[in-house]
Amino acid sequence: SITAGIVAHQELESWSNDYALEGLYKKETTEDAAGVEEERTSAQKFFGSAQGNYKLENPDNRLFGFASYEDDRFSNFNYQSTIAAGWNQKVLENKRHTLEYSIGPGYSFIETQDGENLDSVIVRASSAYSWKISDTANFKQLLSTEVGADNTKSKSETSVSAEISEGLSLKVSLTLDHNSDVTGDTENLDTQTSVTLVYSFF
């Protein structure tokens, strides 16, 4: 399996922006009833998102705009895309801990594998918490949910990273993707556990 991604943060005088690109590809070797081995692709996923936070007079209070796109070949959907806007607030920031949340209305564009459109108005809420455990170890918890008329999409990513050398870290993460409206044999919950190398630069 191959997993790769880029996460970027941009801090400006009036804006605080976050960007993310993620990709996953996995191939497995299986045996049929006759014992013949065959290879098959078991995961193929792409996700991208961007959020801009416009700082108000109190820079901890912001107005946000968010957009995302997900293409998961083995999910119940051809694609899922979201736009949203609303209120963002940084409620905690010190040497060890940071916590912020966003909430606001939006719109989701969804097409199922059967070609059915499930576009709808949504309410999107998210939170991001980080804890600097030590000078070389960090914990992060990201949560988001998009509640719509036909489907509620939720995501959780829990990770712990430890610095190996300057700029290079080892990251262990658990990602949970849940969709309330699926059909056939598709599971509501998709779980991904990964161990990856992370290179950070400024």
Protein backbone atom coordinates (compact mmCIF):
# COMPACT_ATOMS: atom_id res chain seq x y z
CA SER A 1 0.00 0.00 0.00
CA ILE A 2 1.05 3.59 -0.64
CA THR A 3 -0.25 6.58 1.28
CA ALA A 4 0.97 10.13 0.75
CA GLY A 5 -0.16 13.63 1.57
CA ILE A 6 0.70 17.29 1.91
CA VAL A 7 -0.58 19.52 4.72
CA ALA A 8 0.16 23.25 4.63
CA HIS A 9 -0.60 26.14 6.99
CA GLN A 10 -0.36 29.80 6.05
CA GLU A 11 -0.49 32.57 8.67
CA LEU A 12 -1.00 36.09 7.32
CA GLU A 13 -1.96 39.39 8.94
CA SER A 14 -5.66 39.02 8.12
CA TRP A 15 -5.93 35.34 7.14
CA SER A 16 -5.13 31.94 8.61
CA ASN A 17 -5.30 29.26 5.90
CA ASP A 18 -5.07 25.46 5.87
CA TYR A 19 -4.65 23.13 2.88
CA ALA A 20 -4.56 19.33 2.63
CA LEU A 21 -4.04 16.75 -0.10
CA GLU A 22 -4.18 13.01 0.64
CA GLY A 23 -3.91 9.88 -1.50
CA LEU A 24 -4.17 6.15 -0.80
CA TYR A 25 -3.53 3.18 -3.08
CA LYS A 26 -3.51 -0.45 -1.98
CA LYS A 27 -3.09 -3.72 -3.90
CA GLU A 28 -3.59 -7.20 -2.45
CA THR A 29 -2.68 -10.72 -3.56
CA THR A 30 -5.43 -13.30 -3.01
CA GLU A 31 -6.01 -16.95 -3.87
CA ASP A 32 -9.12 -18.29 -5.59
CA ALA A 33 -10.76 -21.65 -4.86
CA ALA A 34 -8.25 -23.42 -7.11
CA GLY A 35 -5.29 -21.89 -5.28
CA VAL A 36 -4.37 -19.54 -8.11
CA GLU A 37 -2.98 -16.23 -6.93
CA GLU A 38 -4.31 -13.01 -8.36
CA GLU A 39 -3.71 -9.36 -7.64
CA ARG A 40 -6.51 -6.89 -7.08
CA THR A 41 -6.73 -3.23 -6.11
CA SER A 42 -8.48 -2.93 -2.74
CA ALA A 43 -8.18 0.82 -2.05
CA GLN A 44 -7.89 3.89 -4.25
CA LYS A 45 -8.74 7.23 -2.70
CA PHE A 46 -8.01 10.93 -3.22
CA PHE A 47 -9.01 13.81 -0.93
CA GLY A 48 -8.31 17.53 -1.08
CA SER A 49 -9.50 20.43 1.09
CA ALA A 50 -8.85 24.10 1.74
CA GLN A 51 -10.07 26.42 4.50
CA GLY A 52 -9.50 30.15 4.77
CA ASN A 53 -10.15 31.93 8.09
CA TYR A 54 -10.58 35.72 7.97
CA LYS A 55 -9.52 37.29 11.25
CA LEU A 56 -11.85 39.78 12.91
CA GLU A 57 -10.89 42.54 15.40
CA ASN A 58 -10.13 39.80 17.91
CA PRO A 59 -7.86 37.53 15.78
CA ASP A 60 -9.07 34.44 17.67
CA ASN A 61 -12.52 35.04 16.15
CA ARG A 62 -12.68 34.40 12.40
CA LEU A 63 -15.07 33.87 9.51
CA PHE A 64 -14.24 30.77 7.49
CA GLY A 65 -14.75 29.46 3.98
CA PHE A 66 -14.23 25.76 3.27
CA ALA A 67 -14.14 23.53 0.17
CA SER A 68 -13.33 19.82 -0.24
CA TYR A 69 -13.41 17.05 -2.83
CA GLU A 70 -13.18 13.27 -2.29
CA ASP A 71 -12.97 10.49 -4.86
CA ASP A 72 -13.01 7.02 -3.28
CA ARG A 73 -13.25 4.19 -5.81
CA PHE A 74 -14.33 1.64 -3.22
CA SER A 75 -16.93 3.70 -1.38
CA ASN A 76 -20.64 4.01 -2.08
CA PHE A 77 -20.01 7.28 -3.96
CA ASN A 78 -18.41 8.35 -7.23
CA TYR A 79 -17.48 11.60 -5.51
CA GLN A 80 -18.34 13.80 -2.53
CA SER A 81 -17.70 17.54 -2.61
CA THR A 82 -18.50 20.22 -0.03
CA ILE A 83 -18.53 23.99 0.25
CA ALA A 84 -19.29 25.73 3.55
CA ALA A 85 -18.89 29.05 5.37
CA GLY A 86 -19.47 30.29 8.89
CA TRP A 87 -17.81 30.93 12.26
CA ASN A 88 -14.34 29.82 13.35
CA GLN A 89 -12.84 30.38 16.79
CA LYS A 90 -9.51 29.57 18.40
CA VAL A 91 -10.50 28.77 21.99
CA LEU A 92 -7.14 27.61 23.35
CA GLU A 93 -3.52 28.36 22.49
CA ASN A 94 -0.49 28.00 24.73
CA LYS A 95 2.92 26.31 24.60
CA ARG A 96 1.42 22.81 24.88
CA HIS A 97 -2.17 22.91 23.62
CA THR A 98 -4.21 24.41 20.79
CA LEU A 99 -7.92 23.98 20.11
CA GLU A 100 -10.19 25.57 17.53
CA TYR A 101 -13.58 24.83 16.00
CA SER A 102 -15.66 25.82 12.97
CA ILE A 103 -19.40 25.64 12.36
CA GLY A 104 -21.62 26.90 9.59
CA PRO A 105 -24.03 26.08 6.73
CA GLY A 106 -22.96 24.72 3.40
CA TYR A 107 -23.86 22.56 0.42
CA SER A 108 -22.75 19.06 -0.52
CA PHE A 109 -22.50 17.63 -4.04
CA ILE A 110 -22.74 13.83 -3.98
CA GLU A 111 -23.07 11.22 -6.72
CA THR A 112 -23.52 7.54 -5.83
CA GLN A 113 -22.02 4.63 -7.74
CA ASP A 114 -25.47 4.16 -9.30
CA GLY A 115 -25.44 7.70 -10.66
CA GLU A 116 -27.97 9.07 -8.16
CA ASN A 117 -27.46 12.66 -7.00
CA LEU A 118 -27.77 13.32 -3.27
CA ASP A 119 -26.96 17.05 -3.36
CA SER A 120 -28.29 18.86 -0.30
CA VAL A 121 -27.93 21.75 2.14
CA ILE A 122 -25.75 20.75 5.10
CA VAL A 123 -24.45 21.99 8.41
CA ARG A 124 -20.71 21.48 8.78
CA ALA A 125 -18.86 21.38 12.11
CA SER A 126 -15.20 20.60 12.77
CA SER A 127 -12.58 20.83 15.49
CA ALA A 128 -8.80 20.53 15.64
CA TYR A 129 -6.85 19.82 18.84
CA SER A 130 -3.09 19.45 19.22
CA TRP A 131 -0.97 18.61 22.25
CA LYS A 132 2.79 19.00 22.36
CA ILE A 133 3.58 16.05 24.60
CA SER A 134 7.30 16.82 24.66
CA ASP A 135 9.90 18.62 22.56
CA THR A 136 9.89 15.69 20.12
CA ALA A 137 6.38 14.17 20.39
CA ASN A 138 2.97 15.50 19.33
CA PHE A 139 -0.65 14.34 19.53
CA LYS A 140 -3.38 15.59 17.16
CA GLN A 141 -7.13 14.98 16.96
CA LEU A 142 -9.20 16.19 14.00
CA LEU A 143 -12.98 15.80 13.88
CA SER A 144 -15.55 16.88 11.30
CA THR A 145 -19.17 16.15 10.42
CA GLU A 146 -21.40 17.26 7.57
CA VAL A 147 -25.08 16.73 8.33
CA GLY A 148 -27.37 16.66 5.28
CA ALA A 149 -30.88 15.52 4.44
CA ASP A 150 -29.78 12.28 2.75
CA ASN A 151 -26.36 11.56 4.21
CA THR A 152 -24.23 12.50 7.21
CA LYS A 153 -20.51 12.29 6.55
CA SER A 154 -18.17 12.23 9.55
CA LYS A 155 -14.40 11.89 9.83
CA SER A 156 -11.98 11.42 12.71
CA GLU A 157 -8.19 11.37 12.50
CA THR A 158 -6.12 10.58 15.59
CA SER A 159 -2.34 10.70 15.31
CA VAL A 160 0.84 10.63 17.37
CA SER A 161 4.16 11.70 15.86
CA ALA A 162 7.70 11.49 17.17
CA GLU A 163 10.68 13.36 15.75
CA ILE A 164 13.46 11.11 14.45
CA SER A 165 15.82 13.84 13.31
CA GLU A 166 15.55 17.51 12.45
CA GLY A 167 12.53 17.89 10.13
CA LEU A 168 11.80 14.15 9.96
CA SER A 169 9.16 12.40 12.11
CA LEU A 170 7.45 9.03 12.40
CA LYS A 171 3.64 9.28 12.52
CA VAL A 172 1.11 6.66 13.60
CA SER A 173 -2.49 7.49 12.76
CA LEU A 174 -6.01 6.07 12.86
CA THR A 175 -8.59 7.52 10.44
CA LEU A 176 -12.31 6.76 10.61
CA ASP A 177 -14.65 7.73 7.74
CA HIS A 178 -18.38 7.23 8.29
CA ASN A 179 -21.33 7.73 5.92
CA SER A 180 -24.86 7.20 7.20
CA ASP A 181 -26.37 6.41 3.77
CA VAL A 182 -24.79 3.46 1.96
CA THR A 183 -26.21 0.63 -0.13
CA GLY A 184 -25.47 -3.03 -0.82
CA ASP A 185 -22.48 -4.59 0.91
CA THR A 186 -20.72 -1.26 1.50
CA GLU A 187 -19.81 -0.67 5.13
CA ASN A 188 -20.86 2.58 6.82
CA LEU A 189 -17.47 2.86 8.52
CA ASP A 190 -14.13 2.86 6.70
CA THR A 191 -11.06 2.45 8.94
CA GLN A 192 -7.46 3.19 7.97
CA THR A 193 -4.43 2.65 10.19
CA SER A 194 -1.06 3.86 8.91
CA VAL A 195 2.56 4.38 9.88
CA THR A 196 4.21 7.07 7.77
CA LEU A 197 7.29 9.25 7.59
CA VAL A 198 6.62 12.99 7.77
CA TYR A 199 9.00 15.66 6.56
CA SER A 200 8.34 19.20 7.82
CA PHE A 201 9.78 22.39 6.34
CA PHE A 202 9.14 26.10 6.81
